[in-house]
């Protein structure tokens, strides 16, 4: 168009490439979501594995573990396992703590340390 002065930026090299920006807040939220999901996954795996180990120690069917873990909180799970195995609840609770420690060690060996990754 005659009489229109072209924009100076249109003549610069790379003017057609949009400006690149980094949103630190968005990156931190994404990292937080990733770390939270990773830690929750580790905690769930630990709980399932510990319950399976406990069921084996109590001579119960470990194939029922997923239903037990999904359907019960930790306290009611211990009570249920104590009832099913004819053991005292405090004995089962102590065994469960031992199984949690064993499950943690096994998972760390398999999947690595669950400690959140720090930004440098």
PDB file of N, CA and C in Angstrom:
ATOM      1  N   UNK A   1       0.838  -1.178   0.000  1.00  0.00           N
ATOM      2  CA  UNK A   1       0.000   0.000   0.000  1.00  0.00           C
ATOM      3  C   UNK A   1       0.880   1.238   0.000  1.00  0.00           C
ATOM      4  N   UNK A   2       0.580   2.117  -0.882  1.00  0.00           N
ATOM      5  CA  UNK A   2       1.382   3.332  -0.934  1.00  0.00           C
ATOM      6  C   UNK A   2       1.111   4.199   0.284  1.00  0.00           C
ATOM      7  N   UNK A   3       2.166   4.817   0.792  1.00  0.00           N
ATOM      8  CA  UNK A   3       2.042   5.732   1.911  1.00  0.00           C
ATOM      9  C   UNK A   3       2.094   5.049   3.269  1.00  0.00           C
ATOM     10  N   UNK A   4       2.163   3.707   3.316  1.00  0.00           N
ATOM     11  CA  UNK A   4       2.242   3.007   4.598  1.00  0.00           C
ATOM     12  C   UNK A   4       3.701   2.671   4.851  1.00  0.00           C
ATOM     13  N   UNK A   5       4.180   3.044   6.028  1.00  0.00           N
ATOM     14  CA  UNK A   5       5.570   2.760   6.382  1.00  0.00           C
ATOM     15  C   UNK A   5       5.623   1.356   6.986  1.00  0.00           C
ATOM     16  N   UNK A   6       6.406   0.476   6.423  1.00  0.00           N
ATOM     17  CA  UNK A   6       6.479  -0.878   6.965  1.00  0.00           C
ATOM     18  C   UNK A   6       7.101  -0.869   8.362  1.00  0.00           C
ATOM     19  N   UNK A   7       6.665  -1.789   9.169  1.00  0.00           N
ATOM     20  CA  UNK A   7       7.184  -1.916  10.524  1.00  0.00           C
ATOM     21  C   UNK A   7       8.654  -2.298  10.462  1.00  0.00           C
ATOM     22  N   UNK A   8       9.445  -1.727  11.346  1.00  0.00           N
ATOM     23  CA  UNK A   8      10.871  -2.036  11.372  1.00  0.00           C
ATOM     24  C   UNK A   8      11.117  -3.485  11.765  1.00  0.00           C
ATOM     25  N   UNK A   9      10.264  -4.001  12.659  1.00  0.00           N
ATOM     26  CA  UNK A   9      10.488  -5.368  13.125  1.00  0.00           C
ATOM     27  C   UNK A   9      10.253  -6.392  12.019  1.00  0.00           C
ATOM     28  N   UNK A  10       9.464  -6.045  11.022  1.00  0.00           N
ATOM     29  CA  UNK A  10       9.198  -6.970   9.927  1.00  0.00           C
ATOM     30  C   UNK A  10      10.447  -7.205   9.101  1.00  0.00           C
ATOM     31  N   UNK A  11      11.410  -6.281   9.156  1.00  0.00           N
ATOM     32  CA  UNK A  11      12.628  -6.407   8.370  1.00  0.00           C
ATOM     33  C   UNK A  11      13.763  -7.082   9.134  1.00  0.00           C
ATOM     34  N   UNK A  12      13.569  -7.338  10.413  1.00  0.00           N
ATOM     35  CA  UNK A  12      14.623  -7.952  11.216  1.00  0.00           C
ATOM     36  C   UNK A  12      14.661  -9.457  10.973  1.00  0.00           C
ATOM     37  N   UNK A  13      15.858 -10.047  11.032  1.00  0.00           N
ATOM     38  CA  UNK A  13      15.954 -11.494  10.866  1.00  0.00           C
ATOM     39  C   UNK A  13      15.210 -12.207  12.003  1.00  0.00           C
ATOM     40  N   UNK A  14      14.481 -13.235  11.657  1.00  0.00           N
ATOM     41  CA  UNK A  14      13.757 -14.013  12.667  1.00  0.00           C
ATOM     42  C   UNK A  14      12.485 -13.358  13.159  1.00  0.00           C
ATOM     43  N   UNK A  15      12.012 -12.328  12.477  1.00  0.00           N
ATOM     44  CA  UNK A  15      10.809 -11.628  12.916  1.00  0.00           C
ATOM     45  C   UNK A  15       9.580 -12.520  12.830  1.00  0.00           C
ATOM     46  N   UNK A  16       9.636 -13.546  12.028  1.00  0.00           N
ATOM     47  CA  UNK A  16       8.492 -14.443  11.865  1.00  0.00           C
ATOM     48  C   UNK A  16       8.413 -15.481  12.995  1.00  0.00           C
ATOM     49  N   UNK A  17       9.462 -15.581  13.827  1.00  0.00           N
ATOM     50  CA  UNK A  17       9.477 -16.546  14.927  1.00  0.00           C
ATOM     51  C   UNK A  17       8.901 -15.880  16.168  1.00  0.00           C
ATOM     52  N   UNK A  18       7.895 -16.490  16.805  1.00  0.00           N
ATOM     53  CA  UNK A  18       7.333 -15.885  18.006  1.00  0.00           C
ATOM     54  C   UNK A  18       8.357 -15.858  19.140  1.00  0.00           C
ATOM     55  N   UNK A  19       8.235 -14.880  20.001  1.00  0.00           N
ATOM     56  CA  UNK A  19       9.153 -14.741  21.122  1.00  0.00           C
ATOM     57  C   UNK A  19       9.003 -15.942  22.054  1.00  0.00           C
ATOM     58  N   UNK A  20      10.121 -16.465  22.527  1.00  0.00           N
ATOM     59  CA  UNK A  20      10.095 -17.606  23.432  1.00  0.00           C
ATOM     60  C   UNK A  20      10.175 -17.082  24.864  1.00  0.00           C
ATOM     61  N   UNK A  21       9.274 -17.541  25.692  1.00  0.00           N
ATOM     62  CA  UNK A  21       9.294 -17.137  27.092  1.00  0.00           C
ATOM     63  C   UNK A  21       9.273 -18.379  27.965  1.00  0.00           C
ATOM     64  N   UNK A  22       9.757 -18.243  29.164  1.00  0.00           N
ATOM     65  CA  UNK A  22       9.777 -19.345  30.118  1.00  0.00           C
ATOM     66  C   UNK A  22       8.943 -18.934  31.317  1.00  0.00           C
ATOM     67  N   UNK A  23       7.937 -19.721  31.612  1.00  0.00           N
ATOM     68  CA  UNK A  23       7.055 -19.454  32.741  1.00  0.00           C
ATOM     69  C   UNK A  23       7.515 -20.312  33.917  1.00  0.00           C
ATOM     70  N   UNK A  24       8.262 -19.715  34.830  1.00  0.00           N
ATOM     71  CA  UNK A  24       8.815 -20.449  35.972  1.00  0.00           C
ATOM     72  C   UNK A  24       7.704 -20.990  36.869  1.00  0.00           C
ATOM     73  N   UNK A  25       6.660 -20.211  37.078  1.00  0.00           N
ATOM     74  CA  UNK A  25       5.545 -20.669  37.911  1.00  0.00           C
ATOM     75  C   UNK A  25       4.891 -21.915  37.343  1.00  0.00           C
ATOM     76  N   UNK A  26       4.686 -21.919  36.044  1.00  0.00           N
ATOM     77  CA  UNK A  26       4.079 -23.077  35.385  1.00  0.00           C
ATOM     78  C   UNK A  26       4.994 -24.294  35.493  1.00  0.00           C
ATOM     79  N   UNK A  27       6.291 -24.067  35.324  1.00  0.00           N
ATOM     80  CA  UNK A  27       7.256 -25.168  35.431  1.00  0.00           C
ATOM     81  C   UNK A  27       7.266 -25.743  36.845  1.00  0.00           C
ATOM     82  N   UNK A  28       7.178 -24.895  37.848  1.00  0.00           N
ATOM     83  CA  UNK A  28       7.179 -25.359  39.241  1.00  0.00           C
ATOM     84  C   UNK A  28       5.902 -26.131  39.559  1.00  0.00           C
ATOM     85  N   UNK A  29       4.758 -25.678  39.067  1.00  0.00           N
ATOM     86  CA  UNK A  29       3.506 -26.407  39.282  1.00  0.00           C
ATOM     87  C   UNK A  29       3.559 -27.774  38.605  1.00  0.00           C
ATOM     88  N   UNK A  30       4.113 -27.809  37.419  1.00  0.00           N
ATOM     89  CA  UNK A  30       4.237 -29.073  36.696  1.00  0.00           C
ATOM     90  C   UNK A  30       5.152 -30.039  37.448  1.00  0.00           C
ATOM     91  N   UNK A  31       6.261 -29.520  37.977  1.00  0.00           N
ATOM     92  CA  UNK A  31       7.181 -30.345  38.757  1.00  0.00           C
ATOM     93  C   UNK A  31       6.492 -30.844  40.024  1.00  0.00           C
ATOM     94  N   UNK A  32       5.741 -29.972  40.678  1.00  0.00           N
ATOM     95  CA  UNK A  32       5.032 -30.361  41.896  1.00  0.00           C
ATOM     96  C   UNK A  32       4.026 -31.471  41.609  1.00  0.00           C
ATOM     97  N   UNK A  33       3.286 -31.339  40.531  1.00  0.00           N
ATOM     98  CA  UNK A  33       2.319 -32.378  40.156  1.00  0.00           C
ATOM     99  C   UNK A  33       3.025 -33.700  39.862  1.00  0.00           C
ATOM    100  N   UNK A  34       4.133 -33.620  39.152  1.00  0.00           N
ATOM    101  CA  UNK A  34       4.889 -34.826  38.811  1.00  0.00           C
ATOM    102  C   UNK A  34       5.426 -35.498  40.078  1.00  0.00           C
ATOM    103  N   UNK A  35       6.026 -34.715  40.960  1.00  0.00           N
ATOM    104  CA  UNK A  35       6.596 -35.270  42.193  1.00  0.00           C
ATOM    105  C   UNK A  35       5.498 -35.838  43.086  1.00  0.00           C
ATOM    106  N   UNK A  36       4.377 -35.143  43.193  1.00  0.00           N
ATOM    107  CA  UNK A  36       3.273 -35.637  44.018  1.00  0.00           C
ATOM    108  C   UNK A  36       2.752 -36.969  43.488  1.00  0.00           C
ATOM    109  N   UNK A  37       2.573 -37.061  42.199  1.00  0.00           N
ATOM    110  CA  UNK A  37       2.087 -38.309  41.598  1.00  0.00           C
ATOM    111  C   UNK A  37       3.089 -39.435  41.810  1.00  0.00           C
ATOM    112  N   UNK A  38       4.371 -39.123  41.672  1.00  0.00           N
ATOM    113  CA  UNK A  38       5.412 -40.132  41.850  1.00  0.00           C
ATOM    114  C   UNK A  38       5.449 -40.624  43.293  1.00  0.00           C
ATOM    115  N   UNK A  39       5.334 -39.711  44.256  1.00  0.00           N
ATOM    116  CA  UNK A  39       5.356 -40.087  45.668  1.00  0.00           C
ATOM    117  C   UNK A  39       4.101 -40.863  46.059  1.00  0.00           C
ATOM    118  N   UNK A  40       2.956 -40.461  45.540  1.00  0.00           N
ATOM    119  CA  UNK A  40       1.719 -41.198  45.826  1.00  0.00           C
ATOM    120  C   UNK A  40       1.775 -42.599  45.236  1.00  0.00           C
ATOM    121  N   UNK A  41       2.329 -42.729  44.049  1.00  0.00           N
ATOM    122  CA  UNK A  41       2.489 -44.045  43.432  1.00  0.00           C
ATOM    123  C   UNK A  41       3.395 -44.925  44.284  1.00  0.00           C
ATOM    124  N   UNK A  42       4.493 -44.364  44.764  1.00  0.00           N
ATOM    125  CA  UNK A  42       5.421 -45.127  45.596  1.00  0.00           C
ATOM    126  C   UNK A  42       4.737 -45.556  46.891  1.00  0.00           C
ATOM    127  N   UNK A  43       3.999 -44.643  47.529  1.00  0.00           N
ATOM    128  CA  UNK A  43       3.320 -44.965  48.784  1.00  0.00           C
ATOM    129  C   UNK A  43       2.275 -46.059  48.586  1.00  0.00           C
ATOM    130  N   UNK A  44       1.542 -45.999  47.476  1.00  0.00           N
ATOM    131  CA  UNK A  44       0.540 -47.024  47.205  1.00  0.00           C
ATOM    132  C   UNK A  44       1.201 -48.381  46.976  1.00  0.00           C
ATOM    133  N   UNK A  45       2.256 -48.393  46.173  1.00  0.00           N
ATOM    134  CA  UNK A  45       2.972 -49.645  45.920  1.00  0.00           C
ATOM    135  C   UNK A  45       3.527 -50.224  47.220  1.00  0.00           C
ATOM    136  N   UNK A  46       4.028 -49.350  48.080  1.00  0.00           N
ATOM    137  CA  UNK A  46       4.568 -49.800  49.363  1.00  0.00           C
ATOM    138  C   UNK A  46       3.474 -50.426  50.221  1.00  0.00           C
ATOM    139  N   UNK A  47       2.335 -49.790  50.259  1.00  0.00           N
ATOM    140  CA  UNK A  47       1.220 -50.306  51.067  1.00  0.00           C
ATOM    141  C   UNK A  47       0.725 -51.659  50.539  1.00  0.00           C
ATOM    142  N   UNK A  48       0.582 -51.774  49.236  1.00  0.00           N
ATOM    143  CA  UNK A  48       0.127 -53.037  48.643  1.00  0.00           C
ATOM    144  C   UNK A  48       1.155 -54.137  48.903  1.00  0.00           C
ATOM    145  N   UNK A  49       2.413 -53.827  48.689  1.00  0.00           N
ATOM    146  CA  UNK A  49       3.443 -54.843  48.888  1.00  0.00           C
ATOM    147  C   UNK A  49       3.531 -55.254  50.356  1.00  0.00           C
ATOM    148  N   UNK A  50       3.450 -54.299  51.261  1.00  0.00           N
ATOM    149  CA  UNK A  50       3.503 -54.616  52.690  1.00  0.00           C
ATOM    150  C   UNK A  50       2.317 -55.479  53.094  1.00  0.00           C
ATOM    151  N   UNK A  51       1.150 -55.190  52.555  1.00  0.00           N
ATOM    152  CA  UNK A  51      -0.036 -55.984  52.873  1.00  0.00           C
ATOM    153  C   UNK A  51       0.101 -57.397  52.313  1.00  0.00           C
ATOM    154  N   UNK A  52       0.664 -57.503  51.118  1.00  0.00           N
ATOM    155  CA  UNK A  52       0.894 -58.834  50.540  1.00  0.00           C
ATOM    156  C   UNK A  52       1.878 -59.627  51.390  1.00  0.00           C
ATOM    157  N   UNK A  53       2.984 -58.970  51.810  1.00  0.00           N
ATOM    158  CA  UNK A  53       3.965 -59.641  52.668  1.00  0.00           C
ATOM    159  C   UNK A  53       3.337 -60.065  53.991  1.00  0.00           C
ATOM    160  N   UNK A  54       2.494 -59.207  54.543  1.00  0.00           N
ATOM    161  CA  UNK A  54       1.817 -59.528  55.799  1.00  0.00           C
ATOM    162  C   UNK A  54       0.874 -60.711  55.620  1.00  0.00           C
ATOM    163  N   UNK A  55       0.135 -60.715  54.526  1.00  0.00           N
ATOM    164  CA  UNK A  55      -0.782 -61.832  54.264  1.00  0.00           C
ATOM    165  C   UNK A  55      -0.002 -63.144  54.172  1.00  0.00           C
ATOM    166  N   UNK A  56       1.150 -63.101  53.521  1.00  0.00           N
ATOM    167  CA  UNK A  56       1.975 -64.312  53.419  1.00  0.00           C
ATOM    168  C   UNK A  56       2.461 -64.761  54.790  1.00  0.00           C
ATOM    169  N   UNK A  57       2.873 -63.803  55.634  1.00  0.00           N
ATOM    170  CA  UNK A  57       3.334 -64.153  56.985  1.00  0.00           C
ATOM    171  C   UNK A  57       2.213 -64.742  57.841  1.00  0.00           C
ATOM    172  N   UNK A  58       0.990 -64.284  57.574  1.00  0.00           N
ATOM    173  CA  UNK A  58      -0.153 -64.758  58.358  1.00  0.00           C
ATOM    174  C   UNK A  58      -0.830 -65.971  57.718  1.00  0.00           C
ATOM    175  N   UNK A  59      -0.231 -66.513  56.675  1.00  0.00           N
ATOM    176  CA  UNK A  59      -0.780 -67.664  55.950  1.00  0.00           C
ATOM    177  C   UNK A  59      -2.167 -67.400  55.387  1.00  0.00           C
ATOM    178  N   UNK A  60      -2.348 -66.185  54.835  1.00  0.00           N
ATOM    179  CA  UNK A  60      -3.592 -65.812  54.165  1.00  0.00           C
ATOM    180  C   UNK A  60      -3.311 -65.710  52.668  1.00  0.00           C
ATOM    181  N   UNK A  61      -4.353 -65.736  51.878  1.00  0.00           N
ATOM    182  CA  UNK A  61      -4.209 -65.685  50.424  1.00  0.00           C
ATOM    183  C   UNK A  61      -3.784 -64.281  49.976  1.00  0.00           C
ATOM    184  N   UNK A  62      -2.554 -64.122  49.453  1.00  0.00           N
ATOM    185  CA  UNK A  62      -2.099 -62.796  49.028  1.00  0.00           C
ATOM    186  C   UNK A  62      -2.814 -62.259  47.796  1.00  0.00           C
ATOM    187  N   UNK A  63      -3.569 -63.116  47.092  1.00  0.00           N
ATOM    188  CA  UNK A  63      -4.312 -62.641  45.923  1.00  0.00           C
ATOM    189  C   UNK A  63      -5.494 -61.765  46.308  1.00  0.00           C
ATOM    190  N   UNK A  64      -5.889 -61.806  47.578  1.00  0.00           N
ATOM    191  CA  UNK A  64      -6.977 -60.959  48.043  1.00  0.00           C
ATOM    192  C   UNK A  64      -6.505 -59.564  48.440  1.00  0.00           C
ATOM    193  N   UNK A  65      -5.204 -59.357  48.440  1.00  0.00           N
ATOM    194  CA  UNK A  65      -4.623 -58.094  48.902  1.00  0.00           C
ATOM    195  C   UNK A  65      -5.169 -56.859  48.177  1.00  0.00           C
ATOM    196  N   UNK A  66      -5.248 -56.846  46.835  1.00  0.00           N
ATOM    197  CA  UNK A  66      -5.744 -55.623  46.189  1.00  0.00           C
ATOM    198  C   UNK A  66      -7.123 -55.203  46.682  1.00  0.00           C
ATOM    199  N   UNK A  67      -8.002 -56.154  46.890  1.00  0.00           N
ATOM    200  CA  UNK A  67      -9.338 -55.816  47.393  1.00  0.00           C
ATOM    201  C   UNK A  67      -9.261 -55.288  48.817  1.00  0.00           C
ATOM    202  N   UNK A  68      -8.386 -55.852  49.630  1.00  0.00           N
ATOM    203  CA  UNK A  68      -8.248 -55.387  51.014  1.00  0.00           C
ATOM    204  C   UNK A  68      -7.701 -53.966  51.050  1.00  0.00           C
ATOM    205  N   UNK A  69      -6.673 -53.706  50.271  1.00  0.00           N
ATOM    206  CA  UNK A  69      -6.048 -52.380  50.287  1.00  0.00           C
ATOM    207  C   UNK A  69      -7.014 -51.328  49.749  1.00  0.00           C
ATOM    208  N   UNK A  70      -7.724 -51.671  48.686  1.00  0.00           N
ATOM    209  CA  UNK A  70      -8.651 -50.713  48.078  1.00  0.00           C
ATOM    210  C   UNK A  70      -9.860 -50.448  48.967  1.00  0.00           C
ATOM    211  N   UNK A  71     -10.270 -51.439  49.732  1.00  0.00           N
ATOM    212  CA  UNK A  71     -11.510 -51.299  50.487  1.00  0.00           C
ATOM    213  C   UNK A  71     -11.381 -50.924  51.946  1.00  0.00           C
ATOM    214  N   UNK A  72     -10.155 -50.805  52.455  1.00  0.00           N
ATOM    215  CA  UNK A  72      -9.979 -50.555  53.881  1.00  0.00           C
ATOM    216  C   UNK A  72      -8.877 -49.545  54.133  1.00  0.00           C
ATOM    217  N   UNK A  73      -9.044 -48.761  55.192  1.00  0.00           N
ATOM    218  CA  UNK A  73      -7.968 -47.913  55.678  1.00  0.00           C
ATOM    219  C   UNK A  73      -6.975 -48.784  56.426  1.00  0.00           C
ATOM    220  N   UNK A  74      -5.858 -48.189  56.822  1.00  0.00           N
ATOM    221  CA  UNK A  74      -4.802 -48.977  57.455  1.00  0.00           C
ATOM    222  C   UNK A  74      -5.262 -49.631  58.761  1.00  0.00           C
ATOM    223  N   UNK A  75      -5.964 -48.896  59.616  1.00  0.00           N
ATOM    224  CA  UNK A  75      -6.402 -49.448  60.903  1.00  0.00           C
ATOM    225  C   UNK A  75      -7.416 -50.580  60.701  1.00  0.00           C
ATOM    226  N   UNK A  76      -8.394 -50.368  59.838  1.00  0.00           N
ATOM    227  CA  UNK A  76      -9.385 -51.420  59.617  1.00  0.00           C
ATOM    228  C   UNK A  76      -8.787 -52.605  58.870  1.00  0.00           C
ATOM    229  N   UNK A  77      -7.780 -52.341  58.053  1.00  0.00           N
ATOM    230  CA  UNK A  77      -7.083 -53.422  57.362  1.00  0.00           C
ATOM    231  C   UNK A  77      -6.387 -54.336  58.366  1.00  0.00           C
ATOM    232  N   UNK A  78      -5.714 -53.734  59.338  1.00  0.00           N
ATOM    233  CA  UNK A  78      -5.027 -54.516  60.370  1.00  0.00           C
ATOM    234  C   UNK A  78      -6.035 -55.312  61.188  1.00  0.00           C
ATOM    235  N   UNK A  79      -7.141 -54.690  61.561  1.00  0.00           N
ATOM    236  CA  UNK A  79      -8.179 -55.409  62.313  1.00  0.00           C
ATOM    237  C   UNK A  79      -8.739 -56.579  61.503  1.00  0.00           C
ATOM    238  N   UNK A  80      -8.990 -56.336  60.219  1.00  0.00           N
ATOM    239  CA  UNK A  80      -9.537 -57.399  59.366  1.00  0.00           C
ATOM    240  C   UNK A  80      -8.558 -58.562  59.237  1.00  0.00           C
ATOM    241  N   UNK A  81      -7.283 -58.249  59.023  1.00  0.00           N
ATOM    242  CA  UNK A  81      -6.279 -59.298  58.907  1.00  0.00           C
ATOM    243  C   UNK A  81      -6.102 -60.048  60.225  1.00  0.00           C
ATOM    244  N   UNK A  82      -6.210 -59.338  61.330  1.00  0.00           N
ATOM    245  CA  UNK A  82      -6.114 -59.992  62.641  1.00  0.00           C
ATOM    246  C   UNK A  82      -7.275 -60.957  62.829  1.00  0.00           C
ATOM    247  N   UNK A  83      -8.466 -60.542  62.429  1.00  0.00           N
ATOM    248  CA  UNK A  83      -9.644 -61.410  62.546  1.00  0.00           C
ATOM    249  C   UNK A  83      -9.508 -62.637  61.649  1.00  0.00           C
ATOM    250  N   UNK A  84      -9.086 -62.417  60.413  1.00  0.00           N
ATOM    251  CA  UNK A  84      -8.957 -63.528  59.470  1.00  0.00           C
ATOM    252  C   UNK A  84      -7.864 -64.519  59.866  1.00  0.00           C
ATOM    253  N   UNK A  85      -6.844 -64.026  60.554  1.00  0.00           N
ATOM    254  CA  UNK A  85      -5.714 -64.890  60.883  1.00  0.00           C
ATOM    255  C   UNK A  85      -5.730 -65.415  62.315  1.00  0.00           C
ATOM    256  N   UNK A  86      -6.682 -64.979  63.131  1.00  0.00           N
ATOM    257  CA  UNK A  86      -6.783 -65.377  64.535  1.00  0.00           C
ATOM    258  C   UNK A  86      -5.587 -64.900  65.361  1.00  0.00           C
ATOM    259  N   UNK A  87      -4.963 -63.802  64.956  1.00  0.00           N
ATOM    260  CA  UNK A  87      -3.874 -63.203  65.722  1.00  0.00           C
ATOM    261  C   UNK A  87      -4.394 -61.947  66.416  1.00  0.00           C
ATOM    262  N   UNK A  88      -3.674 -61.521  67.440  1.00  0.00           N
ATOM    263  CA  UNK A  88      -4.044 -60.268  68.120  1.00  0.00           C
ATOM    264  C   UNK A  88      -3.719 -59.077  67.216  1.00  0.00           C
ATOM    265  N   UNK A  89      -4.528 -58.042  67.326  1.00  0.00           N
ATOM    266  CA  UNK A  89      -4.365 -56.866  66.463  1.00  0.00           C
ATOM    267  C   UNK A  89      -3.007 -56.193  66.689  1.00  0.00           C
ATOM    268  N   UNK A  90      -2.515 -56.153  67.942  1.00  0.00           N
ATOM    269  CA  UNK A  90      -1.228 -55.504  68.178  1.00  0.00           C
ATOM    270  C   UNK A  90      -0.074 -56.303  67.561  1.00  0.00           C
ATOM    271  N   UNK A  91      -0.201 -57.612  67.538  1.00  0.00           N
ATOM    272  CA  UNK A  91       0.803 -58.452  66.883  1.00  0.00           C
ATOM    273  C   UNK A  91       0.786 -58.217  65.376  1.00  0.00           C
ATOM    274  N   UNK A  92      -0.401 -58.160  64.799  1.00  0.00           N
ATOM    275  CA  UNK A  92      -0.534 -57.912  63.360  1.00  0.00           C
ATOM    276  C   UNK A  92      -0.019 -56.512  63.020  1.00  0.00           C
ATOM    277  N   UNK A  93      -0.288 -55.529  63.887  1.00  0.00           N
ATOM    278  CA  UNK A  93       0.192 -54.161  63.643  1.00  0.00           C
ATOM    279  C   UNK A  93       1.717 -54.114  63.639  1.00  0.00           C
ATOM    280  N   UNK A  94       2.345 -54.840  64.558  1.00  0.00           N
ATOM    281  CA  UNK A  94       3.811 -54.877  64.587  1.00  0.00           C
ATOM    282  C   UNK A  94       4.370 -55.576  63.345  1.00  0.00           C
ATOM    283  N   UNK A  95       3.745 -56.671  62.963  1.00  0.00           N
ATOM    284  CA  UNK A  95       4.162 -57.363  61.741  1.00  0.00           C
ATOM    285  C   UNK A  95       3.995 -56.455  60.522  1.00  0.00           C
ATOM    286  N   UNK A  96       2.916 -55.696  60.507  1.00  0.00           N
ATOM    287  CA  UNK A  96       2.663 -54.784  59.388  1.00  0.00           C
ATOM    288  C   UNK A  96       3.754 -53.716  59.295  1.00  0.00           C
ATOM    289  N   UNK A  97       4.186 -53.195  60.443  1.00  0.00           N
ATOM    290  CA  UNK A  97       5.271 -52.202  60.436  1.00  0.00           C
ATOM    291  C   UNK A  97       6.557 -52.814  59.884  1.00  0.00           C
ATOM    292  N   UNK A  98       6.840 -54.056  60.266  1.00  0.00           N
ATOM    293  CA  UNK A  98       8.010 -54.758  59.727  1.00  0.00           C
ATOM    294  C   UNK A  98       7.879 -54.941  58.217  1.00  0.00           C
ATOM    295  N   UNK A  99       6.675 -55.287  57.776  1.00  0.00           N
ATOM    296  CA  UNK A  99       6.435 -55.485  56.345  1.00  0.00           C
ATOM    297  C   UNK A  99       6.541 -54.169  55.577  1.00  0.00           C
ATOM    298  N   UNK A 100       6.106 -53.056  56.182  1.00  0.00           N
ATOM    299  CA  UNK A 100       6.254 -51.748  55.542  1.00  0.00           C
ATOM    300  C   UNK A 100       7.731 -51.425  55.319  1.00  0.00           C
ATOM    301  N   UNK A 101       8.552 -51.717  56.319  1.00  0.00           N
ATOM    302  CA  UNK A 101       9.987 -51.454  56.195  1.00  0.00           C
ATOM    303  C   UNK A 101      10.598 -52.334  55.096  1.00  0.00           C
ATOM    304  N   UNK A 102      10.211 -53.605  55.063  1.00  0.00           N
ATOM    305  CA  UNK A 102      10.716 -54.508  54.021  1.00  0.00           C
ATOM    306  C   UNK A 102      10.266 -54.055  52.638  1.00  0.00           C
ATOM    307  N   UNK A 103       9.001 -53.670  52.536  1.00  0.00           N
ATOM    308  CA  UNK A 103       8.459 -53.210  51.252  1.00  0.00           C
ATOM    309  C   UNK A 103       9.190 -51.958  50.781  1.00  0.00           C
ATOM    310  N   UNK A 104       9.490 -51.044  51.696  1.00  0.00           N
ATOM    311  CA  UNK A 104      10.214 -49.828  51.345  1.00  0.00           C
ATOM    312  C   UNK A 104      11.592 -50.177  50.780  1.00  0.00           C
ATOM    313  N   UNK A 105      12.315 -51.052  51.465  1.00  0.00           N
ATOM    314  CA  UNK A 105      13.648 -51.436  50.990  1.00  0.00           C
ATOM    315  C   UNK A 105      13.575 -52.097  49.614  1.00  0.00           C
ATOM    316  N   UNK A 106      12.610 -52.974  49.412  1.00  0.00           N
ATOM    317  CA  UNK A 106      12.466 -53.653  48.120  1.00  0.00           C
ATOM    318  C   UNK A 106      12.162 -52.663  46.998  1.00  0.00           C
ATOM    319  N   UNK A 107      11.249 -51.731  47.280  1.00  0.00           N
ATOM    320  CA  UNK A 107      10.870 -50.759  46.246  1.00  0.00           C
ATOM    321  C   UNK A 107      12.009 -49.800  45.923  1.00  0.00           C
ATOM    322  N   UNK A 108      12.777 -49.405  46.931  1.00  0.00           N
ATOM    323  CA  UNK A 108      13.926 -48.536  46.677  1.00  0.00           C
ATOM    324  C   UNK A 108      14.939 -49.276  45.802  1.00  0.00           C
ATOM    325  N   UNK A 109      15.127 -50.555  46.059  1.00  0.00           N
ATOM    326  CA  UNK A 109      16.052 -51.345  45.247  1.00  0.00           C
ATOM    327  C   UNK A 109      15.552 -51.473  43.803  1.00  0.00           C
ATOM    328  N   UNK A 110      14.242 -51.597  43.629  1.00  0.00           N
ATOM    329  CA  UNK A 110      13.669 -51.771  42.289  1.00  0.00           C
ATOM    330  C   UNK A 110      13.482 -50.462  41.532  1.00  0.00           C
ATOM    331  N   UNK A 111      12.951 -49.443  42.230  1.00  0.00           N
ATOM    332  CA  UNK A 111      12.508 -48.227  41.550  1.00  0.00           C
ATOM    333  C   UNK A 111      13.337 -46.992  41.885  1.00  0.00           C
ATOM    334  N   UNK A 112      14.223 -47.101  42.841  1.00  0.00           N
ATOM    335  CA  UNK A 112      15.029 -45.945  43.238  1.00  0.00           C
ATOM    336  C   UNK A 112      14.414 -45.230  44.430  1.00  0.00           C
ATOM    337  N   UNK A 113      15.189 -44.312  44.973  1.00  0.00           N
ATOM    338  CA  UNK A 113      14.787 -43.560  46.160  1.00  0.00           C
ATOM    339  C   UNK A 113      13.625 -42.630  45.834  1.00  0.00           C
ATOM    340  N   UNK A 114      12.563 -42.636  46.666  1.00  0.00           N
ATOM    341  CA  UNK A 114      11.408 -41.792  46.361  1.00  0.00           C
ATOM    342  C   UNK A 114      11.571 -40.337  46.778  1.00  0.00           C
ATOM    343  N   UNK A 115      12.716 -39.970  47.339  1.00  0.00           N
ATOM    344  CA  UNK A 115      12.929 -38.598  47.769  1.00  0.00           C
ATOM    345  C   UNK A 115      12.736 -37.660  46.583  1.00  0.00           C
ATOM    346  N   UNK A 116      11.988 -36.567  46.785  1.00  0.00           N
ATOM    347  CA  UNK A 116      11.759 -35.636  45.668  1.00  0.00           C
ATOM    348  C   UNK A 116      13.063 -35.104  45.085  1.00  0.00           C
ATOM    349  N   UNK A 117      13.083 -34.922  43.776  1.00  0.00           N
ATOM    350  CA  UNK A 117      14.257 -34.400  43.098  1.00  0.00           C
ATOM    351  C   UNK A 117      14.304 -32.891  43.304  1.00  0.00           C
ATOM    352  N   UNK A 118      15.416 -32.401  43.781  1.00  0.00           N
ATOM    353  CA  UNK A 118      15.582 -30.971  44.030  1.00  0.00           C
ATOM    354  C   UNK A 118      16.024 -30.256  42.753  1.00  0.00           C
ATOM    355  N   UNK A 119      15.610 -29.018  42.629  1.00  0.00           N
ATOM    356  CA  UNK A 119      16.097 -28.196  41.521  1.00  0.00           C
ATOM    357  C   UNK A 119      17.463 -27.678  41.903  1.00  0.00           C
ATOM    358  N   UNK A 120      18.372 -27.629  40.967  1.00  0.00           N
ATOM    359  CA  UNK A 120      19.739 -27.166  41.252  1.00  0.00           C
ATOM    360  C   UNK A 120      19.763 -25.671  41.429  1.00  0.00           C
TER     361      UNK A 120
END
